[in-house]
Amino acid sequence: MSMQPTADEDMTRRATRLVDAKLGFRAHLLVYLLVNAGLVAINLATTPSHLWFFYPMGGWGIGLLAHGLAVHRGSSDLRDRMIAEELERLRRRGAGGH
């Protein structure tokens, strides 16, 4: 019996990982929108002459953008390639080698 995953199992794992990453990004986006809407409301209700909500919105927005790019621009493909290369290197060294 082979310990290697079948192509179908491998594809299912990859698809699951990608879907999880996309759902994680959607949750991050939703929290970003809700929290920043609250910050805008607080800012406008308390100090409308000084619009400070742009600072946390902008900083967090940079992180959200990075998260979105990582999820939707194929960083998981890079990770998969790196894992495959590492597995191949380990196989060449042998199962018991250190």
N, C-alpha and C. Protein backbone atom coordinates (compact mmCIF):
# COMPACT_ATOMS: atom_id res chain seq x y z
N MET A 1 0.85 -1.18 0.00
CA MET A 1 0.00 0.00 0.00
C MET A 1 0.90 1.25 0.00
N SER A 2 0.66 2.17 -0.89
CA SER A 2 1.48 3.37 -1.04
C SER A 2 1.08 4.42 -0.01
N MET A 3 2.09 5.10 0.53
CA MET A 3 1.85 6.18 1.47
C MET A 3 1.71 7.52 0.74
N GLN A 4 1.98 7.54 -0.55
CA GLN A 4 1.87 8.74 -1.34
C GLN A 4 0.41 9.09 -1.57
N PRO A 5 0.04 10.35 -1.42
CA PRO A 5 -1.36 10.71 -1.71
C PRO A 5 -1.62 10.59 -3.21
N THR A 6 -2.85 10.24 -3.55
CA THR A 6 -3.20 10.19 -4.95
C THR A 6 -3.29 11.61 -5.49
N ALA A 7 -3.29 11.72 -6.80
CA ALA A 7 -3.39 13.04 -7.43
C ALA A 7 -4.69 13.73 -7.00
N ASP A 8 -5.75 12.95 -6.88
CA ASP A 8 -7.04 13.51 -6.46
C ASP A 8 -6.99 14.03 -5.03
N GLU A 9 -6.34 13.28 -4.14
CA GLU A 9 -6.22 13.72 -2.74
C GLU A 9 -5.37 14.98 -2.65
N ASP A 10 -4.30 15.01 -3.44
CA ASP A 10 -3.42 16.18 -3.45
C ASP A 10 -4.18 17.41 -3.95
N MET A 11 -4.94 17.24 -5.02
CA MET A 11 -5.72 18.36 -5.57
C MET A 11 -6.78 18.82 -4.56
N THR A 12 -7.40 17.88 -3.88
CA THR A 12 -8.41 18.24 -2.87
C THR A 12 -7.77 19.02 -1.74
N ARG A 13 -6.60 18.61 -1.29
CA ARG A 13 -5.90 19.35 -0.23
C ARG A 13 -5.53 20.75 -0.69
N ARG A 14 -5.03 20.86 -1.90
CA ARG A 14 -4.67 22.19 -2.44
C ARG A 14 -5.91 23.07 -2.55
N ALA A 15 -6.99 22.51 -3.09
CA ALA A 15 -8.23 23.28 -3.25
C ALA A 15 -8.76 23.73 -1.89
N THR A 16 -8.71 22.83 -0.90
CA THR A 16 -9.17 23.17 0.44
C THR A 16 -8.33 24.29 1.03
N ARG A 17 -7.02 24.21 0.85
CA ARG A 17 -6.13 25.25 1.38
C ARG A 17 -6.42 26.60 0.71
N LEU A 18 -6.65 26.59 -0.60
CA LEU A 18 -6.94 27.84 -1.31
C LEU A 18 -8.28 28.43 -0.88
N VAL A 19 -9.28 27.58 -0.74
CA VAL A 19 -10.60 28.06 -0.30
C VAL A 19 -10.50 28.63 1.11
N ASP A 20 -9.78 27.94 2.00
CA ASP A 20 -9.60 28.45 3.36
C ASP A 20 -8.92 29.81 3.36
N ALA A 21 -7.91 29.97 2.51
CA ALA A 21 -7.21 31.25 2.42
C ALA A 21 -8.14 32.35 1.91
N LYS A 22 -8.96 32.03 0.92
CA LYS A 22 -9.89 33.03 0.38
C LYS A 22 -10.96 33.39 1.40
N LEU A 23 -11.46 32.41 2.14
CA LEU A 23 -12.44 32.70 3.18
C LEU A 23 -11.81 33.52 4.30
N GLY A 24 -10.57 33.24 4.63
CA GLY A 24 -9.85 34.02 5.64
C GLY A 24 -9.71 35.47 5.21
N PHE A 25 -9.42 35.67 3.92
CA PHE A 25 -9.32 37.05 3.42
C PHE A 25 -10.67 37.75 3.50
N ARG A 26 -11.75 37.05 3.13
CA ARG A 26 -13.08 37.67 3.20
C ARG A 26 -13.43 38.06 4.62
N ALA A 27 -13.09 37.21 5.59
CA ALA A 27 -13.35 37.55 6.99
C ALA A 27 -12.54 38.77 7.39
N HIS A 28 -11.28 38.83 6.98
CA HIS A 28 -10.41 39.98 7.27
C HIS A 28 -11.02 41.25 6.67
N LEU A 29 -11.48 41.17 5.43
CA LEU A 29 -12.09 42.31 4.76
C LEU A 29 -13.35 42.78 5.48
N LEU A 30 -14.19 41.85 5.89
CA LEU A 30 -15.42 42.20 6.60
C LEU A 30 -15.11 42.91 7.92
N VAL A 31 -14.16 42.38 8.68
CA VAL A 31 -13.79 43.00 9.95
C VAL A 31 -13.21 44.39 9.69
N TYR A 32 -12.38 44.52 8.67
CA TYR A 32 -11.80 45.82 8.29
C TYR A 32 -12.92 46.84 8.02
N LEU A 33 -13.90 46.44 7.22
CA LEU A 33 -14.98 47.36 6.88
C LEU A 33 -15.82 47.74 8.10
N LEU A 34 -16.16 46.77 8.93
CA LEU A 34 -16.99 47.05 10.11
C LEU A 34 -16.25 47.92 11.12
N VAL A 35 -15.02 47.56 11.44
CA VAL A 35 -14.26 48.34 12.42
C VAL A 35 -14.02 49.75 11.92
N ASN A 36 -13.64 49.88 10.65
CA ASN A 36 -13.35 51.22 10.14
C ASN A 36 -14.60 52.07 9.99
N ALA A 37 -15.74 51.45 9.71
CA ALA A 37 -17.01 52.20 9.71
C ALA A 37 -17.27 52.75 11.12
N GLY A 38 -17.00 51.93 12.11
CA GLY A 38 -17.16 52.38 13.49
C GLY A 38 -16.20 53.51 13.84
N LEU A 39 -14.94 53.40 13.39
CA LEU A 39 -13.96 54.45 13.64
C LEU A 39 -14.36 55.77 12.96
N VAL A 40 -14.88 55.68 11.75
CA VAL A 40 -15.35 56.89 11.06
C VAL A 40 -16.49 57.52 11.84
N ALA A 41 -17.43 56.70 12.29
CA ALA A 41 -18.57 57.23 13.05
C ALA A 41 -18.10 57.88 14.35
N ILE A 42 -17.20 57.24 15.07
CA ILE A 42 -16.68 57.81 16.32
C ILE A 42 -15.95 59.13 16.04
N ASN A 43 -15.11 59.11 15.00
CA ASN A 43 -14.35 60.32 14.66
C ASN A 43 -15.28 61.47 14.32
N LEU A 44 -16.25 61.23 13.46
CA LEU A 44 -17.15 62.30 13.04
C LEU A 44 -18.06 62.78 14.18
N ALA A 45 -18.37 61.88 15.11
CA ALA A 45 -19.23 62.26 16.24
C ALA A 45 -18.47 63.02 17.31
N THR A 46 -17.18 62.78 17.45
CA THR A 46 -16.43 63.38 18.55
C THR A 46 -15.52 64.54 18.13
N THR A 47 -14.79 64.36 17.06
CA THR A 47 -13.84 65.41 16.62
C THR A 47 -13.89 65.57 15.10
N PRO A 48 -15.01 66.08 14.58
CA PRO A 48 -15.13 66.20 13.12
C PRO A 48 -14.13 67.17 12.51
N SER A 49 -13.56 68.04 13.31
CA SER A 49 -12.59 69.00 12.76
C SER A 49 -11.22 68.35 12.54
N HIS A 50 -10.98 67.21 13.16
CA HIS A 50 -9.71 66.48 12.99
C HIS A 50 -10.03 65.05 12.55
N LEU A 51 -9.79 64.77 11.28
CA LEU A 51 -10.13 63.46 10.73
C LEU A 51 -8.94 62.50 10.92
N TRP A 52 -8.94 61.79 12.05
CA TRP A 52 -7.86 60.88 12.38
C TRP A 52 -8.11 59.46 11.90
N PHE A 53 -9.36 59.14 11.50
CA PHE A 53 -9.67 57.76 11.12
C PHE A 53 -8.86 57.28 9.92
N PHE A 54 -8.33 58.22 9.13
CA PHE A 54 -7.54 57.83 7.96
C PHE A 54 -6.28 57.05 8.35
N TYR A 55 -5.71 57.36 9.51
CA TYR A 55 -4.46 56.72 9.91
C TYR A 55 -4.61 55.22 10.16
N PRO A 56 -5.53 54.79 11.04
CA PRO A 56 -5.67 53.35 11.20
C PRO A 56 -6.22 52.67 9.94
N MET A 57 -7.10 53.37 9.24
CA MET A 57 -7.67 52.80 8.02
C MET A 57 -6.57 52.57 6.97
N GLY A 58 -5.68 53.54 6.84
CA GLY A 58 -4.60 53.40 5.86
C GLY A 58 -3.60 52.33 6.23
N GLY A 59 -3.18 52.31 7.50
CA GLY A 59 -2.21 51.31 7.93
C GLY A 59 -2.76 49.90 7.81
N TRP A 60 -3.97 49.72 8.29
CA TRP A 60 -4.60 48.40 8.21
C TRP A 60 -4.88 48.05 6.74
N GLY A 61 -5.23 49.06 5.94
CA GLY A 61 -5.49 48.83 4.52
C GLY A 61 -4.28 48.28 3.79
N ILE A 62 -3.09 48.72 4.17
CA ILE A 62 -1.86 48.19 3.56
C ILE A 62 -1.73 46.70 3.89
N GLY A 63 -1.98 46.36 5.15
CA GLY A 63 -1.94 44.95 5.53
C GLY A 63 -2.99 44.12 4.82
N LEU A 64 -4.19 44.68 4.69
CA LEU A 64 -5.26 43.98 3.99
C LEU A 64 -4.91 43.78 2.52
N LEU A 65 -4.32 44.79 1.90
CA LEU A 65 -3.88 44.67 0.51
C LEU A 65 -2.85 43.55 0.36
N ALA A 66 -1.89 43.51 1.26
CA ALA A 66 -0.87 42.45 1.22
C ALA A 66 -1.52 41.08 1.38
N HIS A 67 -2.47 40.98 2.29
CA HIS A 67 -3.18 39.71 2.50
C HIS A 67 -3.91 39.31 1.21
N GLY A 68 -4.62 40.26 0.61
CA GLY A 68 -5.36 39.97 -0.61
C GLY A 68 -4.45 39.54 -1.75
N LEU A 69 -3.33 40.22 -1.90
CA LEU A 69 -2.39 39.85 -2.96
C LEU A 69 -1.82 38.46 -2.72
N ALA A 70 -1.50 38.15 -1.47
CA ALA A 70 -0.96 36.83 -1.15
C ALA A 70 -1.97 35.73 -1.47
N VAL A 71 -3.23 36.00 -1.20
CA VAL A 71 -4.27 35.00 -1.43
C VAL A 71 -4.61 34.87 -2.92
N HIS A 72 -4.72 35.99 -3.60
CA HIS A 72 -5.24 35.96 -4.97
C HIS A 72 -4.17 36.01 -6.05
N ARG A 73 -2.92 36.16 -5.68
CA ARG A 73 -1.85 36.24 -6.69
C ARG A 73 -0.95 35.01 -6.71
N GLY A 74 -1.38 33.91 -6.11
CA GLY A 74 -0.66 32.66 -6.27
C GLY A 74 0.47 32.40 -5.31
N SER A 75 0.49 33.04 -4.14
CA SER A 75 1.56 32.73 -3.20
C SER A 75 1.47 31.28 -2.76
N SER A 76 0.27 30.70 -2.79
CA SER A 76 0.15 29.29 -2.42
C SER A 76 0.84 28.42 -3.45
N ASP A 77 0.87 28.85 -4.71
CA ASP A 77 1.61 28.10 -5.72
C ASP A 77 3.09 28.10 -5.40
N LEU A 78 3.61 29.23 -4.96
CA LEU A 78 5.02 29.31 -4.58
C LEU A 78 5.28 28.37 -3.42
N ARG A 79 4.40 28.39 -2.44
CA ARG A 79 4.55 27.50 -1.28
C ARG A 79 4.52 26.05 -1.72
N ASP A 80 3.58 25.69 -2.60
CA ASP A 80 3.49 24.32 -3.10
C ASP A 80 4.77 23.91 -3.83
N ARG A 81 5.31 24.81 -4.64
CA ARG A 81 6.56 24.50 -5.36
C ARG A 81 7.71 24.30 -4.38
N MET A 82 7.78 25.17 -3.37
CA MET A 82 8.85 25.04 -2.39
C MET A 82 8.74 23.73 -1.61
N ILE A 83 7.50 23.34 -1.26
CA ILE A 83 7.30 22.07 -0.57
C ILE A 83 7.72 20.91 -1.46
N ALA A 84 7.33 20.95 -2.73
CA ALA A 84 7.70 19.88 -3.66
C ALA A 84 9.22 19.78 -3.81
N GLU A 85 9.89 20.93 -3.90
CA GLU A 85 11.35 20.92 -4.00
C GLU A 85 11.99 20.34 -2.75
N GLU A 86 11.46 20.70 -1.60
CA GLU A 86 12.01 20.19 -0.34
C GLU A 86 11.78 18.68 -0.21
N LEU A 87 10.59 18.22 -0.60
CA LEU A 87 10.32 16.79 -0.59
C LEU A 87 11.28 16.04 -1.51
N GLU A 88 11.50 16.59 -2.68
CA GLU A 88 12.42 15.95 -3.63
C GLU A 88 13.84 15.90 -3.06
N ARG A 89 14.27 16.97 -2.42
CA ARG A 89 15.60 17.00 -1.82
C ARG A 89 15.71 15.94 -0.73
N LEU A 90 14.68 15.82 0.10
CA LEU A 90 14.68 14.82 1.17
C LEU A 90 14.67 13.40 0.60
N ARG A 91 13.91 13.18 -0.47
CA ARG A 91 13.88 11.85 -1.09
C ARG A 91 15.24 11.47 -1.66
N ARG A 92 15.95 12.45 -2.25
CA ARG A 92 17.28 12.17 -2.80
C ARG A 92 18.24 11.77 -1.69
N ARG A 93 18.11 12.38 -0.53
CA ARG A 93 18.99 12.08 0.59
C ARG A 93 18.66 10.72 1.21
N GLY A 94 17.46 10.24 0.98
CA GLY A 94 17.06 8.96 1.55
C GLY A 94 16.19 9.15 2.77
N ALA A 95 15.37 8.18 3.04
CA ALA A 95 14.39 8.28 4.12
C ALA A 95 15.05 8.38 5.49
N GLY A 96 16.20 7.73 5.70
CA GLY A 96 16.80 7.72 7.02
C GLY A 96 17.91 8.74 7.19
N GLY A 97 18.27 9.47 6.16
CA GLY A 97 19.38 10.42 6.23
C GLY A 97 19.04 11.67 7.01
N HIS A 98 20.05 12.28 7.64
CA HIS A 98 19.86 13.53 8.39
C HIS A 98 20.71 14.60 7.81
